[in-house]
């Protein structure tokens, strides 16, 4: 948890440093692992 009422530039800061796949799990159906976790990992590897 962080500041839920951000009104300044900190609004662009992610609420935590969790990995991309773990964030997607939080928003996935039934909060389970999908192939999107793999795809997000590949996006990150392209970025790196």
ModelCIF file with pLDDT and N, C-alpha, C, O atoms, coordinates in Angstrom:
data_MODEL
#
_entry.id   MODEL 
#
_entity.id                         1 
_entity.type                       polymer 
_entity.pdbx_number_of_molecules   1 
#
_entity_poly.entity_id                      1 
_entity_poly.type                           'polypeptide(L)' 
_entity_poly.nstd_linkage                   no 
_entity_poly.nstd_monomer                   no 
_entity_poly.pdbx_seq_one_letter_code       
;(UNK)(UNK)(UNK)(UNK)(UNK)(UNK)(UNK)(UNK)(UNK)(UNK)(UNK)(UNK)(UNK)(UNK)(UNK)(UNK)
(UNK)(UNK)(UNK)(UNK)(UNK)(UNK)(UNK)(UNK)(UNK)(UNK)(UNK)(UNK)(UNK)(UNK)(UNK)(UNK)
(UNK)(UNK)(UNK)(UNK)(UNK)(UNK)(UNK)(UNK)(UNK)(UNK)(UNK)(UNK)(UNK)(UNK)(UNK)(UNK)
;
_entity_poly.pdbx_seq_one_letter_code_can   XXXXXXXXXXXXXXXXXXXXXXXXXXXXXXXXXXXXXXXXXXXXXXXX 
_entity_poly.pdbx_strand_id                 A 
#
loop_
_entity_poly_seq.entity_id 
_entity_poly_seq.num 
_entity_poly_seq.mon_id 
_entity_poly_seq.hetero 
1 1  UNK n 
1 2  UNK n 
1 3  UNK n 
1 4  UNK n 
1 5  UNK n 
1 6  UNK n 
1 7  UNK n 
1 8  UNK n 
1 9  UNK n 
1 10 UNK n 
1 11 UNK n 
1 12 UNK n 
1 13 UNK n 
1 14 UNK n 
1 15 UNK n 
1 16 UNK n 
1 17 UNK n 
1 18 UNK n 
1 19 UNK n 
1 20 UNK n 
1 21 UNK n 
1 22 UNK n 
1 23 UNK n 
1 24 UNK n 
1 25 UNK n 
1 26 UNK n 
1 27 UNK n 
1 28 UNK n 
1 29 UNK n 
1 30 UNK n 
1 31 UNK n 
1 32 UNK n 
1 33 UNK n 
1 34 UNK n 
1 35 UNK n 
1 36 UNK n 
1 37 UNK n 
1 38 UNK n 
1 39 UNK n 
1 40 UNK n 
1 41 UNK n 
1 42 UNK n 
1 43 UNK n 
1 44 UNK n 
1 45 UNK n 
1 46 UNK n 
1 47 UNK n 
1 48 UNK n 
#
_struct_asym.id          A 
_struct_asym.entity_id   1 
#
loop_
_ma_qa_metric.id 
_ma_qa_metric.mode 
_ma_qa_metric.name 
_ma_qa_metric.software_group_id 
_ma_qa_metric.type 
1 global pLDDT . pLDDT 
2 local  pLDDT . pLDDT 
#
_ma_qa_metric_global.metric_id      1 
_ma_qa_metric_global.metric_value   84.00 
_ma_qa_metric_global.model_id       1 
_ma_qa_metric_global.ordinal_id     1 
#
loop_
_ma_qa_metric_local.label_asym_id 
_ma_qa_metric_local.label_comp_id 
_ma_qa_metric_local.label_seq_id 
_ma_qa_metric_local.metric_id 
_ma_qa_metric_local.metric_value 
_ma_qa_metric_local.model_id 
_ma_qa_metric_local.ordinal_id 
A UNK 1  2 43.00 1 1  
A UNK 2  2 46.00 1 2  
A UNK 3  2 45.00 1 3  
A UNK 4  2 45.00 1 4  
A UNK 5  2 47.00 1 5  
A UNK 6  2 51.00 1 6  
A UNK 7  2 59.00 1 7  
A UNK 8  2 80.00 1 8  
A UNK 9  2 86.00 1 9  
A UNK 10 2 87.00 1 10 
A UNK 11 2 91.00 1 11 
A UNK 12 2 93.00 1 12 
A UNK 13 2 92.00 1 13 
A UNK 14 2 93.00 1 14 
A UNK 15 2 91.00 1 15 
A UNK 16 2 88.00 1 16 
A UNK 17 2 88.00 1 17 
A UNK 18 2 90.00 1 18 
A UNK 19 2 94.00 1 19 
A UNK 20 2 96.00 1 20 
A UNK 21 2 95.00 1 21 
A UNK 22 2 91.00 1 22 
A UNK 23 2 92.00 1 23 
A UNK 24 2 92.00 1 24 
A UNK 25 2 86.00 1 25 
A UNK 26 2 82.00 1 26 
A UNK 27 2 81.00 1 27 
A UNK 28 2 80.00 1 28 
A UNK 29 2 74.00 1 29 
A UNK 30 2 73.00 1 30 
A UNK 31 2 73.00 1 31 
A UNK 32 2 76.00 1 32 
A UNK 33 2 84.00 1 33 
A UNK 34 2 86.00 1 34 
A UNK 35 2 95.00 1 35 
A UNK 36 2 96.00 1 36 
A UNK 37 2 96.00 1 37 
A UNK 38 2 98.00 1 38 
A UNK 39 2 98.00 1 39 
A UNK 40 2 98.00 1 40 
A UNK 41 2 98.00 1 41 
A UNK 42 2 98.00 1 42 
A UNK 43 2 98.00 1 43 
A UNK 44 2 98.00 1 44 
A UNK 45 2 98.00 1 45 
A UNK 46 2 98.00 1 46 
A UNK 47 2 97.00 1 47 
A UNK 48 2 96.00 1 48 
#
loop_
_atom_site.group_PDB 
_atom_site.id 
_atom_site.type_symbol 
_atom_site.label_atom_id 
_atom_site.label_alt_id 
_atom_site.label_comp_id 
_atom_site.label_asym_id 
_atom_site.label_entity_id 
_atom_site.label_seq_id 
_atom_site.pdbx_PDB_ins_code 
_atom_site.Cartn_x 
_atom_site.Cartn_y 
_atom_site.Cartn_z 
_atom_site.occupancy 
_atom_site.B_iso_or_equiv 
_atom_site.pdbx_formal_charge 
_atom_site.auth_seq_id 
_atom_site.auth_comp_id 
_atom_site.auth_asym_id 
_atom_site.auth_atom_id 
_atom_site.pdbx_PDB_model_num 
ATOM 1   N N  . UNK A 1 1  ? 0.822  -1.193  0.000   1.00 43.00 ? 1  UNK A N  1 
ATOM 2   C CA . UNK A 1 1  ? 0.000  0.000   0.000   1.00 43.00 ? 1  UNK A CA 1 
ATOM 3   C C  . UNK A 1 1  ? 0.866  1.257   0.000   1.00 43.00 ? 1  UNK A C  1 
ATOM 4   O O  . UNK A 1 1  ? 1.971  1.265   0.544   1.00 43.00 ? 1  UNK A O  1 
ATOM 5   N N  . UNK A 1 2  ? 0.356  2.305   -0.610  1.00 46.00 ? 2  UNK A N  1 
ATOM 6   C CA . UNK A 1 2  ? 1.045  3.587   -0.650  1.00 46.00 ? 2  UNK A CA 1 
ATOM 7   C C  . UNK A 1 2  ? 0.039  4.696   -0.476  1.00 46.00 ? 2  UNK A C  1 
ATOM 8   O O  . UNK A 1 2  ? -1.006 4.507   0.147   1.00 46.00 ? 2  UNK A O  1 
ATOM 9   N N  . UNK A 1 3  ? 0.351  5.848   -1.022  1.00 45.00 ? 3  UNK A N  1 
ATOM 10  C CA . UNK A 1 3  ? -0.558 6.997   -0.926  1.00 45.00 ? 3  UNK A CA 1 
ATOM 11  C C  . UNK A 1 3  ? -1.671 6.841   -1.934  1.00 45.00 ? 3  UNK A C  1 
ATOM 12  O O  . UNK A 1 3  ? -1.426 6.824   -3.141  1.00 45.00 ? 3  UNK A O  1 
ATOM 13  N N  . UNK A 1 4  ? -2.890 6.727   -1.449  1.00 45.00 ? 4  UNK A N  1 
ATOM 14  C CA . UNK A 1 4  ? -4.030 6.464   -2.334  1.00 45.00 ? 4  UNK A CA 1 
ATOM 15  C C  . UNK A 1 4  ? -4.597 7.747   -2.931  1.00 45.00 ? 4  UNK A C  1 
ATOM 16  O O  . UNK A 1 4  ? -5.465 7.683   -3.802  1.00 45.00 ? 4  UNK A O  1 
ATOM 17  N N  . UNK A 1 5  ? -4.129 8.908   -2.484  1.00 47.00 ? 5  UNK A N  1 
ATOM 18  C CA . UNK A 1 5  ? -4.676 10.169  -2.973  1.00 47.00 ? 5  UNK A CA 1 
ATOM 19  C C  . UNK A 1 5  ? -3.570 11.065  -3.530  1.00 47.00 ? 5  UNK A C  1 
ATOM 20  O O  . UNK A 1 5  ? -3.509 12.255  -3.220  1.00 47.00 ? 5  UNK A O  1 
ATOM 21  N N  . UNK A 1 6  ? -2.706 10.490  -4.346  1.00 51.00 ? 6  UNK A N  1 
ATOM 22  C CA . UNK A 1 6  ? -1.605 11.244  -4.897  1.00 51.00 ? 6  UNK A CA 1 
ATOM 23  C C  . UNK A 1 6  ? -2.129 12.313  -5.847  1.00 51.00 ? 6  UNK A C  1 
ATOM 24  O O  . UNK A 1 6  ? -2.953 12.035  -6.718  1.00 51.00 ? 6  UNK A O  1 
ATOM 25  N N  . UNK A 1 7  ? -1.639 13.548  -5.670  1.00 59.00 ? 7  UNK A N  1 
ATOM 26  C CA . UNK A 1 7  ? -2.069 14.649  -6.528  1.00 59.00 ? 7  UNK A CA 1 
ATOM 27  C C  . UNK A 1 7  ? -0.871 15.355  -7.136  1.00 59.00 ? 7  UNK A C  1 
ATOM 28  O O  . UNK A 1 7  ? -1.017 16.427  -7.724  1.00 59.00 ? 7  UNK A O  1 
ATOM 29  N N  . UNK A 1 8  ? 0.323  14.764  -7.001  1.00 80.00 ? 8  UNK A N  1 
ATOM 30  C CA . UNK A 1 8  ? 1.513  15.368  -7.579  1.00 80.00 ? 8  UNK A CA 1 
ATOM 31  C C  . UNK A 1 8  ? 2.212  14.362  -8.480  1.00 80.00 ? 8  UNK A C  1 
ATOM 32  O O  . UNK A 1 8  ? 1.626  13.353  -8.871  1.00 80.00 ? 8  UNK A O  1 
ATOM 33  N N  . UNK A 1 9  ? 3.475  14.645  -8.809  1.00 86.00 ? 9  UNK A N  1 
ATOM 34  C CA . UNK A 1 9  ? 4.184  13.814  -9.774  1.00 86.00 ? 9  UNK A CA 1 
ATOM 35  C C  . UNK A 1 9  ? 4.424  12.385  -9.287  1.00 86.00 ? 9  UNK A C  1 
ATOM 36  O O  . UNK A 1 9  ? 4.772  11.514  -10.085 1.00 86.00 ? 9  UNK A O  1 
ATOM 37  N N  . UNK A 1 10 ? 4.244  12.136  -7.998  1.00 87.00 ? 10 UNK A N  1 
ATOM 38  C CA . UNK A 1 10 ? 4.425  10.777  -7.499  1.00 87.00 ? 10 UNK A CA 1 
ATOM 39  C C  . UNK A 1 10 ? 3.336  9.832   -8.014  1.00 87.00 ? 10 UNK A C  1 
ATOM 40  O O  . UNK A 1 10 ? 3.430  8.616   -7.843  1.00 87.00 ? 10 UNK A O  1 
ATOM 41  N N  . UNK A 1 11 ? 2.314  10.395  -8.641  1.00 91.00 ? 11 UNK A N  1 
ATOM 42  C CA . UNK A 1 11 ? 1.258  9.551   -9.198  1.00 91.00 ? 11 UNK A CA 1 
ATOM 43  C C  . UNK A 1 11 ? 1.792  8.636   -10.290 1.00 91.00 ? 11 UNK A C  1 
ATOM 44  O O  . UNK A 1 11 ? 1.187  7.608   -10.596 1.00 91.00 ? 11 UNK A O  1 
ATOM 45  N N  . UNK A 1 12 ? 2.930  9.009   -10.880 1.00 93.00 ? 12 UNK A N  1 
ATOM 46  C CA . UNK A 1 12 ? 3.494  8.184   -11.955 1.00 93.00 ? 12 UNK A CA 1 
ATOM 47  C C  . UNK A 1 12 ? 4.418  7.086   -11.424 1.00 93.00 ? 12 UNK A C  1 
ATOM 48  O O  . UNK A 1 12 ? 4.971  6.304   -12.198 1.00 93.00 ? 12 UNK A O  1 
ATOM 49  N N  . UNK A 1 13 ? 4.579  7.033   -10.113 1.00 92.00 ? 13 UNK A N  1 
ATOM 50  C CA . UNK A 1 13 ? 5.412  5.997   -9.513  1.00 92.00 ? 13 UNK A CA 1 
ATOM 51  C C  . UNK A 1 13 ? 4.605  4.727   -9.271  1.00 92.00 ? 13 UNK A C  1 
ATOM 52  O O  . UNK A 1 13 ? 3.526  4.802   -8.684  1.00 92.00 ? 13 UNK A O  1 
ATOM 53  N N  . UNK A 1 14 ? 5.087  3.573   -9.699  1.00 93.00 ? 14 UNK A N  1 
ATOM 54  C CA . UNK A 1 14 ? 4.392  2.317   -9.413  1.00 93.00 ? 14 UNK A CA 1 
ATOM 55  C C  . UNK A 1 14 ? 4.242  2.131   -7.904  1.00 93.00 ? 14 UNK A C  1 
ATOM 56  O O  . UNK A 1 14 ? 5.148  2.495   -7.155  1.00 93.00 ? 14 UNK A O  1 
ATOM 57  N N  . UNK A 1 15 ? 3.134  1.581   -7.445  1.00 91.00 ? 15 UNK A N  1 
ATOM 58  C CA . UNK A 1 15 ? 2.904  1.397   -6.005  1.00 91.00 ? 15 UNK A CA 1 
ATOM 59  C C  . UNK A 1 15 ? 3.904  0.481   -5.324  1.00 91.00 ? 15 UNK A C  1 
ATOM 60  O O  . UNK A 1 15 ? 4.066  0.547   -4.105  1.00 91.00 ? 15 UNK A O  1 
ATOM 61  N N  . UNK A 1 16 ? 4.582  -0.376  -6.087  1.00 88.00 ? 16 UNK A N  1 
ATOM 62  C CA . UNK A 1 16 ? 5.570  -1.284  -5.496  1.00 88.00 ? 16 UNK A CA 1 
ATOM 63  C C  . UNK A 1 16 ? 6.566  -1.681  -6.572  1.00 88.00 ? 16 UNK A C  1 
ATOM 64  O O  . UNK A 1 16 ? 6.424  -1.300  -7.734  1.00 88.00 ? 16 UNK A O  1 
ATOM 65  N N  . UNK A 1 17 ? 7.571  -2.447  -6.179  1.00 88.00 ? 17 UNK A N  1 
ATOM 66  C CA . UNK A 1 17 ? 8.597  -2.888  -7.130  1.00 88.00 ? 17 UNK A CA 1 
ATOM 67  C C  . UNK A 1 17 ? 8.395  -4.345  -7.548  1.00 88.00 ? 17 UNK A C  1 
ATOM 68  O O  . UNK A 1 17 ? 9.350  -5.020  -7.932  1.00 88.00 ? 17 UNK A O  1 
ATOM 69  N N  . UNK A 1 18 ? 7.169  -4.820  -7.474  1.00 90.00 ? 18 UNK A N  1 
ATOM 70  C CA . UNK A 1 18 ? 6.894  -6.200  -7.876  1.00 90.00 ? 18 UNK A CA 1 
ATOM 71  C C  . UNK A 1 18 ? 7.169  -6.402  -9.355  1.00 90.00 ? 18 UNK A C  1 
ATOM 72  O O  . UNK A 1 18 ? 7.095  -5.462  -10.147 1.00 90.00 ? 18 UNK A O  1 
ATOM 73  N N  . UNK A 1 19 ? 7.486  -7.635  -9.718  1.00 94.00 ? 19 UNK A N  1 
ATOM 74  C CA . UNK A 1 19 ? 7.758  -7.954  -11.119 1.00 94.00 ? 19 UNK A CA 1 
ATOM 75  C C  . UNK A 1 19 ? 6.488  -7.803  -11.944 1.00 94.00 ? 19 UNK A C  1 
ATOM 76  O O  . UNK A 1 19 ? 5.376  -7.893  -11.424 1.00 94.00 ? 19 UNK A O  1 
ATOM 77  N N  . UNK A 1 20 ? 6.673  -7.574  -13.232 1.00 96.00 ? 20 UNK A N  1 
ATOM 78  C CA . UNK A 1 20 ? 5.524  -7.398  -14.121 1.00 96.00 ? 20 UNK A CA 1 
ATOM 79  C C  . UNK A 1 20 ? 4.559  -8.589  -14.084 1.00 96.00 ? 20 UNK A C  1 
ATOM 80  O O  . UNK A 1 20 ? 3.348  -8.378  -14.019 1.00 96.00 ? 20 UNK A O  1 
ATOM 81  N N  . UNK A 1 21 ? 5.050  -9.827  -14.124 1.00 95.00 ? 21 UNK A N  1 
ATOM 82  C CA . UNK A 1 21 ? 4.118  -10.965 -14.080 1.00 95.00 ? 21 UNK A CA 1 
ATOM 83  C C  . UNK A 1 21 ? 3.264  -10.993 -12.816 1.00 95.00 ? 21 UNK A C  1 
ATOM 84  O O  . UNK A 1 21 ? 2.086  -11.347 -12.869 1.00 95.00 ? 21 UNK A O  1 
ATOM 85  N N  . UNK A 1 22 ? 3.859  -10.616 -11.669 1.00 91.00 ? 22 UNK A N  1 
ATOM 86  C CA . UNK A 1 22 ? 3.095  -10.654 -10.428 1.00 91.00 ? 22 UNK A CA 1 
ATOM 87  C C  . UNK A 1 22 ? 1.989  -9.602  -10.432 1.00 91.00 ? 22 UNK A C  1 
ATOM 88  O O  . UNK A 1 22 ? 0.920  -9.822  -9.863  1.00 91.00 ? 22 UNK A O  1 
ATOM 89  N N  . UNK A 1 23 ? 2.238  -8.477  -11.060 1.00 92.00 ? 23 UNK A N  1 
ATOM 90  C CA . UNK A 1 23 ? 1.207  -7.440  -11.166 1.00 92.00 ? 23 UNK A CA 1 
ATOM 91  C C  . UNK A 1 23 ? 0.069  -7.933  -12.047 1.00 92.00 ? 23 UNK A C  1 
ATOM 92  O O  . UNK A 1 23 ? -1.103 -7.707  -11.744 1.00 92.00 ? 23 UNK A O  1 
ATOM 93  N N  . UNK A 1 24 ? 0.417  -8.609  -13.139 1.00 92.00 ? 24 UNK A N  1 
ATOM 94  C CA . UNK A 1 24 ? -0.621 -9.112  -14.045 1.00 92.00 ? 24 UNK A CA 1 
ATOM 95  C C  . UNK A 1 24 ? -1.479 -10.171 -13.369 1.00 92.00 ? 24 UNK A C  1 
ATOM 96  O O  . UNK A 1 24 ? -2.673 -10.277 -13.650 1.00 92.00 ? 24 UNK A O  1 
ATOM 97  N N  . UNK A 1 25 ? -0.875 -10.961 -12.473 1.00 86.00 ? 25 UNK A N  1 
ATOM 98  C CA . UNK A 1 25 ? -1.630 -11.979 -11.736 1.00 86.00 ? 25 UNK A CA 1 
ATOM 99  C C  . UNK A 1 25 ? -2.702 -11.324 -10.881 1.00 86.00 ? 25 UNK A C  1 
ATOM 100 O O  . UNK A 1 25 ? -3.817 -11.832 -10.764 1.00 86.00 ? 25 UNK A O  1 
ATOM 101 N N  . UNK A 1 26 ? -2.350 -10.190 -10.282 1.00 82.00 ? 26 UNK A N  1 
ATOM 102 C CA . UNK A 1 26 ? -3.298 -9.466  -9.436  1.00 82.00 ? 26 UNK A CA 1 
ATOM 103 C C  . UNK A 1 26 ? -4.539 -9.040  -10.228 1.00 82.00 ? 26 UNK A C  1 
ATOM 104 O O  . UNK A 1 26 ? -5.634 -8.944  -9.673  1.00 82.00 ? 26 UNK A O  1 
ATOM 105 N N  . UNK A 1 27 ? -4.358 -8.786  -11.529 1.00 81.00 ? 27 UNK A N  1 
ATOM 106 C CA . UNK A 1 27 ? -5.466 -8.325  -12.359 1.00 81.00 ? 27 UNK A CA 1 
ATOM 107 C C  . UNK A 1 27 ? -6.026 -9.410  -13.269 1.00 81.00 ? 27 UNK A C  1 
ATOM 108 O O  . UNK A 1 27 ? -6.919 -9.137  -14.071 1.00 81.00 ? 27 UNK A O  1 
ATOM 109 N N  . UNK A 1 28 ? -5.520 -10.635 -13.159 1.00 80.00 ? 28 UNK A N  1 
ATOM 110 C CA . UNK A 1 28 ? -5.985 -11.710 -14.026 1.00 80.00 ? 28 UNK A CA 1 
ATOM 111 C C  . UNK A 1 28 ? -7.261 -12.347 -13.495 1.00 80.00 ? 28 UNK A C  1 
ATOM 112 O O  . UNK A 1 28 ? -7.634 -12.162 -12.337 1.00 80.00 ? 28 UNK A O  1 
ATOM 113 N N  . UNK A 1 29 ? -7.913 -13.090 -14.354 1.00 74.00 ? 29 UNK A N  1 
ATOM 114 C CA . UNK A 1 29 ? -9.112 -13.801 -13.942 1.00 74.00 ? 29 UNK A CA 1 
ATOM 115 C C  . UNK A 1 29 ? -8.733 -14.849 -12.901 1.00 74.00 ? 29 UNK A C  1 
ATOM 116 O O  . UNK A 1 29 ? -7.832 -15.660 -13.120 1.00 74.00 ? 29 UNK A O  1 
ATOM 117 N N  . UNK A 1 30 ? -9.420 -14.823 -11.783 1.00 73.00 ? 30 UNK A N  1 
ATOM 118 C CA . UNK A 1 30 ? -9.176 -15.762 -10.684 1.00 73.00 ? 30 UNK A CA 1 
ATOM 119 C C  . UNK A 1 30 ? -7.784 -15.608 -10.067 1.00 73.00 ? 30 UNK A C  1 
ATOM 120 O O  . UNK A 1 30 ? -7.347 -16.448 -9.281  1.00 73.00 ? 30 UNK A O  1 
ATOM 121 N N  . UNK A 1 31 ? -7.084 -14.506 -10.439 1.00 73.00 ? 31 UNK A N  1 
ATOM 122 C CA . UNK A 1 31 ? -5.758 -14.240 -9.863  1.00 73.00 ? 31 UNK A CA 1 
ATOM 123 C C  . UNK A 1 31 ? -4.813 -15.418 -9.999  1.00 73.00 ? 31 UNK A C  1 
ATOM 124 O O  . UNK A 1 31 ? -4.084 -15.754 -9.065  1.00 73.00 ? 31 UNK A O  1 
ATOM 125 N N  . UNK A 1 32 ? -4.830 -16.043 -11.170 1.00 76.00 ? 32 UNK A N  1 
ATOM 126 C CA . UNK A 1 32 ? -3.954 -17.175 -11.435 1.00 76.00 ? 32 UNK A CA 1 
ATOM 127 C C  . UNK A 1 32 ? -2.987 -16.848 -12.567 1.00 76.00 ? 32 UNK A C  1 
ATOM 128 O O  . UNK A 1 32 ? -3.172 -15.879 -13.303 1.00 76.00 ? 32 UNK A O  1 
ATOM 129 N N  . UNK A 1 33 ? -1.964 -17.668 -12.687 1.00 84.00 ? 33 UNK A N  1 
ATOM 130 C CA . UNK A 1 33 ? -0.923 -17.434 -13.679 1.00 84.00 ? 33 UNK A CA 1 
ATOM 131 C C  . UNK A 1 33 ? -1.427 -17.795 -15.074 1.00 84.00 ? 33 UNK A C  1 
ATOM 132 O O  . UNK A 1 33 ? -1.971 -18.879 -15.282 1.00 84.00 ? 33 UNK A O  1 
ATOM 133 N N  . UNK A 1 34 ? -1.243 -16.882 -16.027 1.00 86.00 ? 34 UNK A N  1 
ATOM 134 C CA . UNK A 1 34 ? -1.614 -17.132 -17.410 1.00 86.00 ? 34 UNK A CA 1 
ATOM 135 C C  . UNK A 1 34 ? -0.406 -16.981 -18.311 1.00 86.00 ? 34 UNK A C  1 
ATOM 136 O O  . UNK A 1 34 ? 0.685  -16.668 -17.834 1.00 86.00 ? 34 UNK A O  1 
ATOM 137 N N  . UNK A 1 35 ? -0.583 -17.200 -19.606 1.00 95.00 ? 35 UNK A N  1 
ATOM 138 C CA . UNK A 1 35 ? 0.544  -17.068 -20.537 1.00 95.00 ? 35 UNK A CA 1 
ATOM 139 C C  . UNK A 1 35 ? 1.021  -15.620 -20.604 1.00 95.00 ? 35 UNK A C  1 
ATOM 140 O O  . UNK A 1 35 ? 2.135  -15.357 -21.057 1.00 95.00 ? 35 UNK A O  1 
ATOM 141 N N  . UNK A 1 36 ? 0.198  -14.690 -20.162 1.00 96.00 ? 36 UNK A N  1 
ATOM 142 C CA . UNK A 1 36 ? 0.610  -13.285 -20.162 1.00 96.00 ? 36 UNK A CA 1 
ATOM 143 C C  . UNK A 1 36 ? 1.841  -13.076 -19.283 1.00 96.00 ? 36 UNK A C  1 
ATOM 144 O O  . UNK A 1 36 ? 2.654  -12.194 -19.561 1.00 96.00 ? 36 UNK A O  1 
ATOM 145 N N  . UNK A 1 37 ? 1.987  -13.878 -18.227 1.00 96.00 ? 37 UNK A N  1 
ATOM 146 C CA . UNK A 1 37 ? 3.170  -13.770 -17.374 1.00 96.00 ? 37 UNK A CA 1 
ATOM 147 C C  . UNK A 1 37 ? 4.433  -14.066 -18.172 1.00 96.00 ? 37 UNK A C  1 
ATOM 148 O O  . UNK A 1 37 ? 5.460  -13.412 -17.990 1.00 96.00 ? 37 UNK A O  1 
ATOM 149 N N  . UNK A 1 38 ? 4.350  -15.054 -19.056 1.00 98.00 ? 38 UNK A N  1 
ATOM 150 C CA . UNK A 1 38 ? 5.473  -15.387 -19.935 1.00 98.00 ? 38 UNK A CA 1 
ATOM 151 C C  . UNK A 1 38 ? 5.721  -14.261 -20.933 1.00 98.00 ? 38 UNK A C  1 
ATOM 152 O O  . UNK A 1 38 ? 6.864  -13.859 -21.150 1.00 98.00 ? 38 UNK A O  1 
ATOM 153 N N  . UNK A 1 39 ? 4.656  -13.756 -21.536 1.00 98.00 ? 39 UNK A N  1 
ATOM 154 C CA . UNK A 1 39 ? 4.797  -12.680 -22.526 1.00 98.00 ? 39 UNK A CA 1 
ATOM 155 C C  . UNK A 1 39 ? 5.391  -11.427 -21.901 1.00 98.00 ? 39 UNK A C  1 
ATOM 156 O O  . UNK A 1 39 ? 6.217  -10.757 -22.520 1.00 98.00 ? 39 UNK A O  1 
ATOM 157 N N  . UNK A 1 40 ? 4.977  -11.105 -20.676 1.00 98.00 ? 40 UNK A N  1 
ATOM 158 C CA . UNK A 1 40 ? 5.514  -9.932  -19.986 1.00 98.00 ? 40 UNK A CA 1 
ATOM 159 C C  . UNK A 1 40 ? 6.997  -10.101 -19.679 1.00 98.00 ? 40 UNK A C  1 
ATOM 160 O O  . UNK A 1 40 ? 7.767  -9.144  -19.759 1.00 98.00 ? 40 UNK A O  1 
ATOM 161 N N  . UNK A 1 41 ? 7.388  -11.306 -19.330 1.00 98.00 ? 41 UNK A N  1 
ATOM 162 C CA . UNK A 1 41 ? 8.804  -11.588 -19.087 1.00 98.00 ? 41 UNK A CA 1 
ATOM 163 C C  . UNK A 1 41 ? 9.611  -11.366 -20.357 1.00 98.00 ? 41 UNK A C  1 
ATOM 164 O O  . UNK A 1 41 ? 10.716 -10.826 -20.307 1.00 98.00 ? 41 UNK A O  1 
ATOM 165 N N  . UNK A 1 42 ? 9.066  -11.777 -21.486 1.00 98.00 ? 42 UNK A N  1 
ATOM 166 C CA . UNK A 1 42 ? 9.745  -11.583 -22.770 1.00 98.00 ? 42 UNK A CA 1 
ATOM 167 C C  . UNK A 1 42 ? 9.829  -10.097 -23.123 1.00 98.00 ? 42 UNK A C  1 
ATOM 168 O O  . UNK A 1 42 ? 10.846 -9.643  -23.647 1.00 98.00 ? 42 UNK A O  1 
ATOM 169 N N  . UNK A 1 43 ? 8.772  -9.341  -22.842 1.00 98.00 ? 43 UNK A N  1 
ATOM 170 C CA . UNK A 1 43 ? 8.826  -7.887  -23.059 1.00 98.00 ? 43 UNK A CA 1 
ATOM 171 C C  . UNK A 1 43 ? 9.969  -7.273  -22.250 1.00 98.00 ? 43 UNK A C  1 
ATOM 172 O O  . UNK A 1 43 ? 10.717 -6.431  -22.748 1.00 98.00 ? 43 UNK A O  1 
ATOM 173 N N  . UNK A 1 44 ? 10.089 -7.704  -21.012 1.00 98.00 ? 44 UNK A N  1 
ATOM 174 C CA . UNK A 1 44 ? 11.138 -7.184  -20.137 1.00 98.00 ? 44 UNK A CA 1 
ATOM 175 C C  . UNK A 1 44 ? 12.516 -7.543  -20.676 1.00 98.00 ? 44 UNK A C  1 
ATOM 176 O O  . UNK A 1 44 ? 13.441 -6.734  -20.603 1.00 98.00 ? 44 UNK A O  1 
ATOM 177 N N  . UNK A 1 45 ? 12.660 -8.744  -21.214 1.00 98.00 ? 45 UNK A N  1 
ATOM 178 C CA . UNK A 1 45 ? 13.939 -9.178  -21.786 1.00 98.00 ? 45 UNK A CA 1 
ATOM 179 C C  . UNK A 1 45 ? 14.275 -8.389  -23.053 1.00 98.00 ? 45 UNK A C  1 
ATOM 180 O O  . UNK A 1 45 ? 15.443 -8.112  -23.324 1.00 98.00 ? 45 UNK A O  1 
ATOM 181 N N  . UNK A 1 46 ? 13.252 -8.031  -23.824 1.00 98.00 ? 46 UNK A N  1 
ATOM 182 C CA . UNK A 1 46 ? 13.480 -7.170  -24.994 1.00 98.00 ? 46 UNK A CA 1 
ATOM 183 C C  . UNK A 1 46 ? 13.949 -5.798  -24.528 1.00 98.00 ? 46 UNK A C  1 
ATOM 184 O O  . UNK A 1 46 ? 14.877 -5.222  -25.094 1.00 98.00 ? 46 UNK A O  1 
ATOM 185 N N  . UNK A 1 47 ? 13.302 -5.285  -23.497 1.00 97.00 ? 47 UNK A N  1 
ATOM 186 C CA . UNK A 1 47 ? 13.656 -3.974  -22.960 1.00 97.00 ? 47 UNK A CA 1 
ATOM 187 C C  . UNK A 1 47 ? 15.089 -3.960  -22.415 1.00 97.00 ? 47 UNK A C  1 
ATOM 188 O O  . UNK A 1 47 ? 15.787 -2.952  -22.518 1.00 97.00 ? 47 UNK A O  1 
ATOM 189 N N  . UNK A 1 48 ? 15.517 -5.077  -21.838 1.00 96.00 ? 48 UNK A N  1 
ATOM 190 C CA . UNK A 1 48 ? 16.870 -5.175  -21.271 1.00 96.00 ? 48 UNK A CA 1 
ATOM 191 C C  . UNK A 1 48 ? 17.929 -5.499  -22.321 1.00 96.00 ? 48 UNK A C  1 
ATOM 192 O O  . UNK A 1 48 ? 19.110 -5.612  -21.993 1.00 96.00 ? 48 UNK A O  1 
#
